[in-house]
Amino acid sequence: MHHRLIRIVVVPAVLLVLSLLSAPGAGAPKSSWDAKSCGRVGGTLVFGQAGDAVTLDPHDANDGFSINVSSNMFDTLVRFRADSFLVEPSLAESWTASPDGRVWTFKLRRGIKFHDG
């Protein structure tokens, strides 16, 4: 179980940090997740999978079914481009890192609001 958790949580987190560090402060180009890449925008998402999600809390998810569902419900500050592992903006328009890389500042898109559910 411990090794599976490392593969599911730690490895993607390390890859994300390394991707962010490779271009600190650069922000990213226009989103690759446009209507051309993703098909139709809007409407109803119909999602099916072989099992039920254990939780809808992405921070508590440690099974593939829960991760699949929560990734369709929540947005992130940054994301991987549709065609590569390069990082691009999502909720954040741009970001900067302190010289020591310990403090990251994200500039959010206009109209973004957070809530606690």
N, C-alpha and C. Protein backbone atom coordinates (compact mmCIF):
# COMPACT_ATOMS: atom_id res chain seq x y z
N MET A 1 0.83 -1.19 0.00
CA MET A 1 0.00 0.00 0.00
C MET A 1 0.87 1.25 0.00
N HIS A 2 1.93 1.26 0.80
CA HIS A 2 2.80 2.43 0.91
C HIS A 2 3.45 2.75 -0.44
N HIS A 3 3.92 1.72 -1.16
CA HIS A 3 4.55 1.93 -2.46
C HIS A 3 3.55 2.44 -3.47
N ARG A 4 2.31 1.98 -3.40
CA ARG A 4 1.26 2.44 -4.32
C ARG A 4 0.96 3.92 -4.07
N LEU A 5 0.89 4.32 -2.80
CA LEU A 5 0.64 5.71 -2.46
C LEU A 5 1.76 6.60 -2.99
N ILE A 6 2.99 6.15 -2.89
CA ILE A 6 4.12 6.92 -3.41
C ILE A 6 3.98 7.10 -4.91
N ARG A 7 3.62 6.05 -5.63
CA ARG A 7 3.46 6.15 -7.08
C ARG A 7 2.31 7.07 -7.46
N ILE A 8 1.22 7.05 -6.72
CA ILE A 8 0.04 7.83 -7.08
C ILE A 8 0.18 9.29 -6.68
N VAL A 9 0.79 9.58 -5.53
CA VAL A 9 0.82 10.94 -5.01
C VAL A 9 2.19 11.60 -5.14
N VAL A 10 3.22 10.96 -4.66
CA VAL A 10 4.52 11.59 -4.57
C VAL A 10 5.16 11.79 -5.95
N VAL A 11 5.14 10.78 -6.78
CA VAL A 11 5.79 10.88 -8.08
C VAL A 11 5.18 12.00 -8.93
N PRO A 12 3.82 12.08 -9.08
CA PRO A 12 3.27 13.20 -9.84
C PRO A 12 3.59 14.56 -9.22
N ALA A 13 3.62 14.65 -7.90
CA ALA A 13 3.94 15.93 -7.24
C ALA A 13 5.37 16.34 -7.55
N VAL A 14 6.29 15.40 -7.51
CA VAL A 14 7.69 15.70 -7.83
C VAL A 14 7.82 16.14 -9.29
N LEU A 15 7.13 15.45 -10.19
CA LEU A 15 7.18 15.82 -11.60
C LEU A 15 6.63 17.23 -11.82
N LEU A 16 5.55 17.57 -11.12
CA LEU A 16 4.98 18.91 -11.25
C LEU A 16 5.96 19.97 -10.76
N VAL A 17 6.57 19.74 -9.61
CA VAL A 17 7.53 20.71 -9.07
C VAL A 17 8.71 20.86 -10.02
N LEU A 18 9.23 19.77 -10.55
CA LEU A 18 10.35 19.85 -11.49
C LEU A 18 9.96 20.61 -12.74
N SER A 19 8.73 20.41 -13.23
CA SER A 19 8.27 21.13 -14.41
C SER A 19 8.17 22.62 -14.12
N LEU A 20 7.66 22.96 -12.93
CA LEU A 20 7.55 24.38 -12.56
C LEU A 20 8.93 25.01 -12.41
N LEU A 21 9.87 24.27 -11.84
CA LEU A 21 11.20 24.80 -11.64
C LEU A 21 11.95 24.99 -12.95
N SER A 22 11.59 24.25 -13.97
CA SER A 22 12.29 24.36 -15.24
C SER A 22 12.01 25.68 -15.94
N ALA A 23 10.91 26.36 -15.57
CA ALA A 23 10.61 27.66 -16.18
C ALA A 23 10.02 28.60 -15.14
N PRO A 24 10.74 28.89 -14.05
CA PRO A 24 10.17 29.73 -13.00
C PRO A 24 9.89 31.13 -13.50
N GLY A 25 8.69 31.61 -13.15
CA GLY A 25 8.31 32.96 -13.48
C GLY A 25 7.94 33.17 -14.93
N ALA A 26 8.10 32.15 -15.73
CA ALA A 26 7.83 32.32 -17.15
C ALA A 26 6.35 32.33 -17.46
N GLY A 27 5.52 31.87 -16.52
CA GLY A 27 4.11 31.69 -16.85
C GLY A 27 4.06 30.59 -17.87
N ALA A 28 3.20 30.69 -18.82
CA ALA A 28 3.16 29.69 -19.87
C ALA A 28 2.41 30.26 -21.05
N PRO A 29 2.54 29.63 -22.19
CA PRO A 29 1.85 30.12 -23.37
C PRO A 29 0.35 29.90 -23.28
N LYS A 30 -0.36 30.34 -24.29
CA LYS A 30 -1.80 30.14 -24.36
C LYS A 30 -2.15 28.68 -24.11
N SER A 31 -3.29 28.44 -23.50
CA SER A 31 -3.69 27.10 -23.12
C SER A 31 -3.79 26.16 -24.31
N SER A 32 -3.35 24.93 -24.11
CA SER A 32 -3.49 23.91 -25.14
C SER A 32 -4.83 23.19 -25.02
N TRP A 33 -5.59 23.49 -23.97
CA TRP A 33 -6.87 22.83 -23.71
C TRP A 33 -8.01 23.65 -24.29
N ASP A 34 -7.95 24.00 -25.55
CA ASP A 34 -9.01 24.78 -26.16
C ASP A 34 -10.04 23.86 -26.82
N ALA A 35 -11.05 24.44 -27.44
CA ALA A 35 -12.11 23.64 -28.04
C ALA A 35 -11.58 22.70 -29.12
N LYS A 36 -10.54 23.13 -29.85
CA LYS A 36 -9.97 22.28 -30.89
C LYS A 36 -9.35 21.01 -30.29
N SER A 37 -8.66 21.17 -29.14
CA SER A 37 -8.02 20.02 -28.50
C SER A 37 -9.02 19.12 -27.81
N CYS A 38 -10.04 19.72 -27.21
CA CYS A 38 -10.93 18.96 -26.33
C CYS A 38 -12.29 18.63 -26.94
N GLY A 39 -12.55 19.09 -28.13
CA GLY A 39 -13.87 18.84 -28.71
C GLY A 39 -14.84 19.92 -28.27
N ARG A 40 -16.08 19.56 -28.13
CA ARG A 40 -17.12 20.52 -27.78
C ARG A 40 -16.94 21.06 -26.37
N VAL A 41 -17.19 22.35 -26.20
CA VAL A 41 -17.10 22.98 -24.89
C VAL A 41 -18.52 23.24 -24.40
N GLY A 42 -18.79 22.95 -23.13
CA GLY A 42 -20.12 23.14 -22.57
C GLY A 42 -20.93 21.87 -22.66
N GLY A 43 -22.15 21.91 -22.17
CA GLY A 43 -23.01 20.75 -22.23
C GLY A 43 -22.89 19.90 -20.97
N THR A 44 -23.20 18.64 -21.10
CA THR A 44 -23.22 17.71 -19.98
C THR A 44 -22.11 16.69 -20.13
N LEU A 45 -21.36 16.48 -19.06
CA LEU A 45 -20.33 15.45 -19.05
C LEU A 45 -20.94 14.15 -18.54
N VAL A 46 -20.86 13.11 -19.35
CA VAL A 46 -21.30 11.77 -18.92
C VAL A 46 -20.03 10.97 -18.71
N PHE A 47 -19.87 10.45 -17.49
CA PHE A 47 -18.62 9.80 -17.10
C PHE A 47 -18.95 8.42 -16.57
N GLY A 48 -18.32 7.40 -17.10
CA GLY A 48 -18.52 6.04 -16.60
C GLY A 48 -17.20 5.37 -16.31
N GLN A 49 -17.18 4.54 -15.28
CA GLN A 49 -16.00 3.76 -14.95
C GLN A 49 -16.42 2.48 -14.25
N ALA A 50 -15.48 1.57 -14.06
CA ALA A 50 -15.79 0.23 -13.57
C ALA A 50 -16.14 0.16 -12.09
N GLY A 51 -15.82 1.18 -11.32
CA GLY A 51 -16.10 1.16 -9.88
C GLY A 51 -16.48 2.53 -9.38
N ASP A 52 -16.98 2.57 -8.15
CA ASP A 52 -17.38 3.83 -7.52
C ASP A 52 -16.19 4.52 -6.87
N ALA A 53 -16.25 5.84 -6.82
CA ALA A 53 -15.25 6.62 -6.11
C ALA A 53 -15.44 6.39 -4.61
N VAL A 54 -14.35 6.28 -3.88
CA VAL A 54 -14.39 6.12 -2.43
C VAL A 54 -14.65 7.46 -1.77
N THR A 55 -14.08 8.54 -2.34
CA THR A 55 -14.24 9.89 -1.80
C THR A 55 -14.26 10.89 -2.96
N LEU A 56 -14.89 12.03 -2.73
CA LEU A 56 -14.86 13.11 -3.71
C LEU A 56 -13.91 14.22 -3.26
N ASP A 57 -13.19 13.99 -2.19
CA ASP A 57 -12.19 14.95 -1.70
C ASP A 57 -10.85 14.59 -2.33
N PRO A 58 -10.34 15.42 -3.26
CA PRO A 58 -9.11 15.06 -3.95
C PRO A 58 -7.89 14.94 -3.03
N HIS A 59 -7.92 15.60 -1.87
CA HIS A 59 -6.80 15.51 -0.94
C HIS A 59 -6.82 14.21 -0.14
N ASP A 60 -7.96 13.56 -0.12
CA ASP A 60 -8.11 12.31 0.63
C ASP A 60 -8.12 11.09 -0.29
N ALA A 61 -8.11 11.33 -1.59
CA ALA A 61 -8.22 10.24 -2.56
C ALA A 61 -6.91 9.47 -2.68
N ASN A 62 -6.99 8.16 -2.54
CA ASN A 62 -5.81 7.33 -2.76
C ASN A 62 -6.15 6.12 -3.63
N ASP A 63 -7.29 6.20 -4.32
CA ASP A 63 -7.66 5.15 -5.26
C ASP A 63 -7.90 5.78 -6.63
N GLY A 64 -7.67 5.02 -7.66
CA GLY A 64 -7.80 5.53 -9.02
C GLY A 64 -9.19 6.02 -9.38
N PHE A 65 -10.24 5.35 -8.89
CA PHE A 65 -11.60 5.76 -9.22
C PHE A 65 -11.90 7.15 -8.65
N SER A 66 -11.51 7.41 -7.41
CA SER A 66 -11.74 8.73 -6.81
C SER A 66 -10.94 9.81 -7.53
N ILE A 67 -9.72 9.50 -7.90
CA ILE A 67 -8.88 10.47 -8.60
C ILE A 67 -9.47 10.78 -9.97
N ASN A 68 -9.97 9.78 -10.68
CA ASN A 68 -10.59 10.01 -11.99
C ASN A 68 -11.79 10.94 -11.87
N VAL A 69 -12.65 10.72 -10.88
CA VAL A 69 -13.84 11.55 -10.71
C VAL A 69 -13.47 12.96 -10.29
N SER A 70 -12.61 13.11 -9.28
CA SER A 70 -12.29 14.45 -8.78
C SER A 70 -11.55 15.28 -9.82
N SER A 71 -10.79 14.65 -10.70
CA SER A 71 -10.08 15.42 -11.72
C SER A 71 -11.05 16.04 -12.72
N ASN A 72 -12.27 15.52 -12.81
CA ASN A 72 -13.29 16.11 -13.68
C ASN A 72 -14.15 17.13 -12.95
N MET A 73 -13.99 17.27 -11.64
CA MET A 73 -14.81 18.19 -10.85
C MET A 73 -14.07 19.45 -10.43
N PHE A 74 -12.76 19.40 -10.32
CA PHE A 74 -12.00 20.51 -9.76
C PHE A 74 -10.97 21.01 -10.76
N ASP A 75 -10.66 22.29 -10.68
CA ASP A 75 -9.63 22.88 -11.52
C ASP A 75 -8.40 23.14 -10.66
N THR A 76 -7.26 23.31 -11.28
CA THR A 76 -6.00 23.51 -10.56
C THR A 76 -5.34 24.82 -10.99
N LEU A 77 -4.35 25.27 -10.25
CA LEU A 77 -3.64 26.49 -10.61
C LEU A 77 -2.93 26.36 -11.95
N VAL A 78 -2.28 25.24 -12.15
CA VAL A 78 -1.58 24.94 -13.39
C VAL A 78 -1.93 23.51 -13.80
N ARG A 79 -1.60 23.17 -15.02
CA ARG A 79 -1.85 21.81 -15.51
C ARG A 79 -0.83 21.48 -16.59
N PHE A 80 -0.76 20.23 -16.94
CA PHE A 80 0.10 19.82 -18.05
C PHE A 80 -0.58 20.16 -19.36
N ARG A 81 0.20 20.55 -20.38
CA ARG A 81 -0.36 20.80 -21.70
C ARG A 81 -1.00 19.51 -22.21
N ALA A 82 -1.97 19.65 -23.09
CA ALA A 82 -2.69 18.49 -23.63
C ALA A 82 -1.76 17.57 -24.42
N ASP A 83 -0.68 18.12 -24.97
CA ASP A 83 0.17 17.34 -25.87
C ASP A 83 1.57 17.04 -25.31
N SER A 84 1.82 17.41 -24.04
CA SER A 84 3.15 17.18 -23.48
C SER A 84 3.11 17.26 -21.96
N PHE A 85 4.27 17.19 -21.34
CA PHE A 85 4.36 17.35 -19.89
C PHE A 85 4.83 18.75 -19.49
N LEU A 86 4.75 19.70 -20.41
CA LEU A 86 5.05 21.08 -20.08
C LEU A 86 3.90 21.66 -19.28
N VAL A 87 4.19 22.56 -18.36
CA VAL A 87 3.18 23.15 -17.50
C VAL A 87 2.63 24.41 -18.14
N GLU A 88 1.31 24.61 -18.05
CA GLU A 88 0.67 25.81 -18.57
C GLU A 88 -0.33 26.33 -17.55
N PRO A 89 -0.80 27.57 -17.69
CA PRO A 89 -1.76 28.13 -16.74
C PRO A 89 -3.10 27.39 -16.79
N SER A 90 -3.79 27.42 -15.68
CA SER A 90 -5.17 26.93 -15.62
C SER A 90 -5.96 28.01 -14.89
N LEU A 91 -6.07 27.95 -13.58
CA LEU A 91 -6.67 29.06 -12.83
C LEU A 91 -5.70 30.23 -12.73
N ALA A 92 -4.42 29.95 -12.71
CA ALA A 92 -3.40 30.99 -12.63
C ALA A 92 -3.08 31.49 -14.04
N GLU A 93 -2.96 32.81 -14.19
CA GLU A 93 -2.52 33.37 -15.47
C GLU A 93 -1.01 33.30 -15.61
N SER A 94 -0.34 33.53 -14.48
CA SER A 94 1.13 33.52 -14.47
C SER A 94 1.60 33.27 -13.06
N TRP A 95 2.89 33.06 -12.89
CA TRP A 95 3.45 32.80 -11.58
C TRP A 95 4.91 33.21 -11.56
N THR A 96 5.39 33.49 -10.35
CA THR A 96 6.80 33.80 -10.15
C THR A 96 7.28 33.02 -8.93
N ALA A 97 8.57 32.78 -8.90
CA ALA A 97 9.19 32.08 -7.77
C ALA A 97 10.22 32.99 -7.15
N SER A 98 10.36 32.89 -5.83
CA SER A 98 11.40 33.65 -5.14
C SER A 98 12.75 33.09 -5.57
N PRO A 99 13.82 33.85 -5.38
CA PRO A 99 15.15 33.37 -5.79
C PRO A 99 15.53 32.02 -5.18
N ASP A 100 15.08 31.74 -3.95
CA ASP A 100 15.42 30.46 -3.34
C ASP A 100 14.43 29.35 -3.72
N GLY A 101 13.38 29.69 -4.48
CA GLY A 101 12.42 28.69 -4.94
C GLY A 101 11.45 28.21 -3.88
N ARG A 102 11.41 28.88 -2.72
CA ARG A 102 10.55 28.41 -1.63
C ARG A 102 9.21 29.11 -1.58
N VAL A 103 9.08 30.28 -2.24
CA VAL A 103 7.82 31.02 -2.23
C VAL A 103 7.38 31.23 -3.67
N TRP A 104 6.18 30.76 -3.96
CA TRP A 104 5.60 30.90 -5.29
C TRP A 104 4.41 31.83 -5.21
N THR A 105 4.31 32.77 -6.15
CA THR A 105 3.20 33.72 -6.20
C THR A 105 2.46 33.50 -7.51
N PHE A 106 1.16 33.23 -7.40
CA PHE A 106 0.33 32.98 -8.58
C PHE A 106 -0.63 34.14 -8.79
N LYS A 107 -0.73 34.62 -10.03
CA LYS A 107 -1.70 35.64 -10.39
C LYS A 107 -2.89 34.90 -11.01
N LEU A 108 -4.06 35.02 -10.36
CA LEU A 108 -5.24 34.29 -10.81
C LEU A 108 -5.97 35.02 -11.93
N ARG A 109 -6.67 34.23 -12.76
CA ARG A 109 -7.53 34.82 -13.78
C ARG A 109 -8.61 35.65 -13.11
N ARG A 110 -9.13 36.62 -13.82
CA ARG A 110 -10.22 37.44 -13.30
C ARG A 110 -11.46 36.58 -13.10
N GLY A 111 -12.22 36.88 -12.03
CA GLY A 111 -13.48 36.20 -11.79
C GLY A 111 -13.37 34.88 -11.06
N ILE A 112 -12.16 34.47 -10.69
CA ILE A 112 -11.98 33.21 -9.97
C ILE A 112 -12.40 33.40 -8.51
N LYS A 113 -13.25 32.51 -8.01
CA LYS A 113 -13.68 32.57 -6.61
C LYS A 113 -13.48 31.21 -5.98
N PHE A 114 -13.01 31.20 -4.75
CA PHE A 114 -12.82 29.96 -4.01
C PHE A 114 -13.98 29.76 -3.04
N HIS A 115 -14.29 28.52 -2.75
CA HIS A 115 -15.32 28.22 -1.76
C HIS A 115 -14.93 26.93 -1.04
N ASP A 116 -15.55 26.68 0.06
CA ASP A 116 -15.23 25.50 0.84
C ASP A 116 -16.26 24.39 0.69
N GLY A 117 -17.02 24.45 -0.36
CA GLY A 117 -17.97 23.39 -0.66
C GLY A 117 -19.32 23.62 -0.08
